[in-house]
Amino acid sequence: MSSTPPQTPQSRPSVHGLALTPLTQCQHYHSPLDIIAIQHFCCRKFYACISCHNALETHTSDVWPREKREEKAVLCGKCGHVLGIEEYMNSGSRCTECREGFNPGCKGHWGLYFEV
């Protein structure tokens, strides 16, 4: 029986942001639970937060359409697992791979990233 090997730092998607830590925290959000990065629909780049995106890009951020919820677009900064949008939204604020906790307050910002 084969299992998927854990992602190594080399295989993780590149994450963009201001004052990034290895866990994807940034200058805007840096609590121990702020360990996700979201791939933005507009540019397909992973950013630590929308404020980092807006500071570093010249275009306006677009939200992921509801019909794209199967897309792998949420990176766990702890283990490197990339969750599908629906998977993330139903995760109970935990990585579905390593079970590390995510900031439950991020739910209040979902409308900035995803069509809700």
Protein backbone atom coordinates (compact mmCIF):
# COMPACT_ATOMS: atom_id res chain seq x y z
CA MET A 1 0.00 0.00 0.00
CA SER A 2 1.52 3.32 -1.00
CA SER A 3 1.05 6.58 0.79
CA THR A 4 1.59 10.12 -0.37
CA PRO A 5 4.88 11.43 1.01
CA PRO A 6 4.72 14.67 3.00
CA GLN A 7 5.57 17.77 1.04
CA THR A 8 9.08 19.02 1.48
CA PRO A 9 9.85 22.72 1.65
CA GLN A 10 11.12 22.45 -1.95
CA SER A 11 7.78 21.09 -3.19
CA ARG A 12 5.61 23.67 -1.46
CA PRO A 13 4.10 26.39 -3.59
CA SER A 14 5.84 29.75 -3.33
CA VAL A 15 4.09 32.06 -0.89
CA HIS A 16 4.20 35.82 -1.29
CA GLY A 17 3.75 38.42 1.40
CA LEU A 18 5.35 40.98 3.67
CA ALA A 19 7.64 39.81 6.51
CA LEU A 20 6.79 36.13 5.90
CA THR A 21 7.70 33.42 8.37
CA PRO A 22 8.29 29.79 7.34
CA LEU A 23 4.74 29.03 8.57
CA THR A 24 3.25 31.68 6.18
CA GLN A 25 2.51 34.27 8.85
CA CYS A 26 2.96 37.85 7.64
CA GLN A 27 3.22 41.37 9.01
CA HIS A 28 -0.59 41.63 9.06
CA TYR A 29 -1.48 38.25 10.59
CA HIS A 30 1.10 36.51 12.73
CA SER A 31 -0.54 34.62 15.57
CA PRO A 32 0.34 30.93 16.04
CA LEU A 33 -2.92 30.08 14.22
CA ASP A 34 -2.26 32.30 11.18
CA ILE A 35 -0.63 29.53 9.19
CA ILE A 36 -2.46 29.40 5.87
CA ALA A 37 -1.79 31.00 2.55
CA ILE A 38 -4.50 31.31 -0.08
CA GLN A 39 -3.99 31.09 -3.81
CA HIS A 40 -5.70 34.09 -5.35
CA PHE A 41 -8.05 33.41 -8.23
CA CYS A 42 -6.89 36.48 -10.15
CA CYS A 43 -3.17 35.72 -10.40
CA ARG A 44 -2.94 32.11 -9.14
CA LYS A 45 -0.27 33.17 -6.62
CA PHE A 46 -0.35 32.10 -2.98
CA TYR A 47 -0.41 35.05 -0.57
CA ALA A 48 -0.33 35.07 3.22
CA CYS A 49 -3.29 37.47 3.22
CA ILE A 50 -5.24 39.83 1.02
CA SER A 51 -3.42 42.85 2.45
CA CYS A 52 -0.11 41.37 1.28
CA HIS A 53 -1.66 40.70 -2.15
CA ASN A 54 -2.91 44.25 -2.43
CA ALA A 55 0.45 45.68 -1.33
CA LEU A 56 2.46 43.65 -3.83
CA GLU A 57 0.20 43.40 -6.90
CA THR A 58 -1.05 46.07 -9.28
CA HIS A 59 -4.36 44.33 -10.05
CA THR A 60 -7.52 43.93 -7.99
CA SER A 61 -8.08 40.63 -6.23
CA ASP A 62 -10.87 38.40 -7.56
CA VAL A 63 -12.74 35.80 -5.50
CA TRP A 64 -12.89 32.11 -6.34
CA PRO A 65 -16.30 31.37 -7.91
CA ARG A 66 -18.54 28.97 -6.00
CA GLU A 67 -18.30 26.39 -8.81
CA LYS A 68 -14.50 26.17 -8.30
CA ARG A 69 -14.62 24.99 -4.69
CA GLU A 70 -12.83 21.75 -5.55
CA GLU A 71 -9.70 23.72 -6.53
CA LYS A 72 -6.66 23.18 -4.31
CA ALA A 73 -6.06 26.75 -3.14
CA VAL A 74 -5.35 26.81 0.63
CA LEU A 75 -1.86 25.95 1.85
CA CYS A 76 -1.19 24.74 5.39
CA GLY A 77 1.97 26.51 6.47
CA LYS A 78 2.76 23.78 8.99
CA CYS A 79 2.83 20.66 6.78
CA GLY A 80 2.56 22.03 3.25
CA HIS A 81 -0.70 20.24 2.41
CA VAL A 82 -2.82 22.15 -0.11
CA LEU A 83 -6.50 21.88 0.70
CA GLY A 84 -9.37 22.28 -1.71
CA ILE A 85 -11.51 25.32 -0.99
CA GLU A 86 -14.53 23.24 0.07
CA GLU A 87 -12.23 20.98 2.09
CA TYR A 88 -10.84 24.05 3.88
CA MET A 89 -14.27 25.54 4.51
CA ASN A 90 -15.45 22.26 6.06
CA SER A 91 -12.24 21.56 8.01
CA GLY A 92 -13.33 22.96 11.36
CA SER A 93 -10.33 25.33 11.22
CA ARG A 94 -7.81 22.46 11.17
CA CYS A 95 -5.53 21.07 8.52
CA THR A 96 -7.06 17.89 7.14
CA GLU A 97 -3.58 16.36 6.87
CA CYS A 98 -1.58 17.31 10.01
CA ARG A 99 -4.56 18.53 12.15
CA GLU A 100 -2.77 21.78 13.06
CA GLY A 101 -5.24 24.50 14.05
CA PHE A 102 -6.04 27.45 11.77
CA ASN A 103 -7.34 30.82 12.93
CA PRO A 104 -11.15 30.42 13.19
CA GLY A 105 -11.46 34.19 12.73
CA CYS A 106 -10.46 33.73 9.08
CA LYS A 107 -14.08 32.71 8.41
CA GLY A 108 -14.94 36.39 8.71
CA HIS A 109 -12.72 37.09 5.69
CA TRP A 110 -13.87 34.28 3.40
CA GLY A 111 -15.84 36.72 1.26
CA LEU A 112 -12.56 38.43 0.30
CA TYR A 113 -11.26 35.18 -1.22
CA PHE A 114 -14.25 33.00 -2.06
CA GLU A 115 -17.73 33.59 -3.42
CA VAL A 116 -19.96 32.95 -0.39
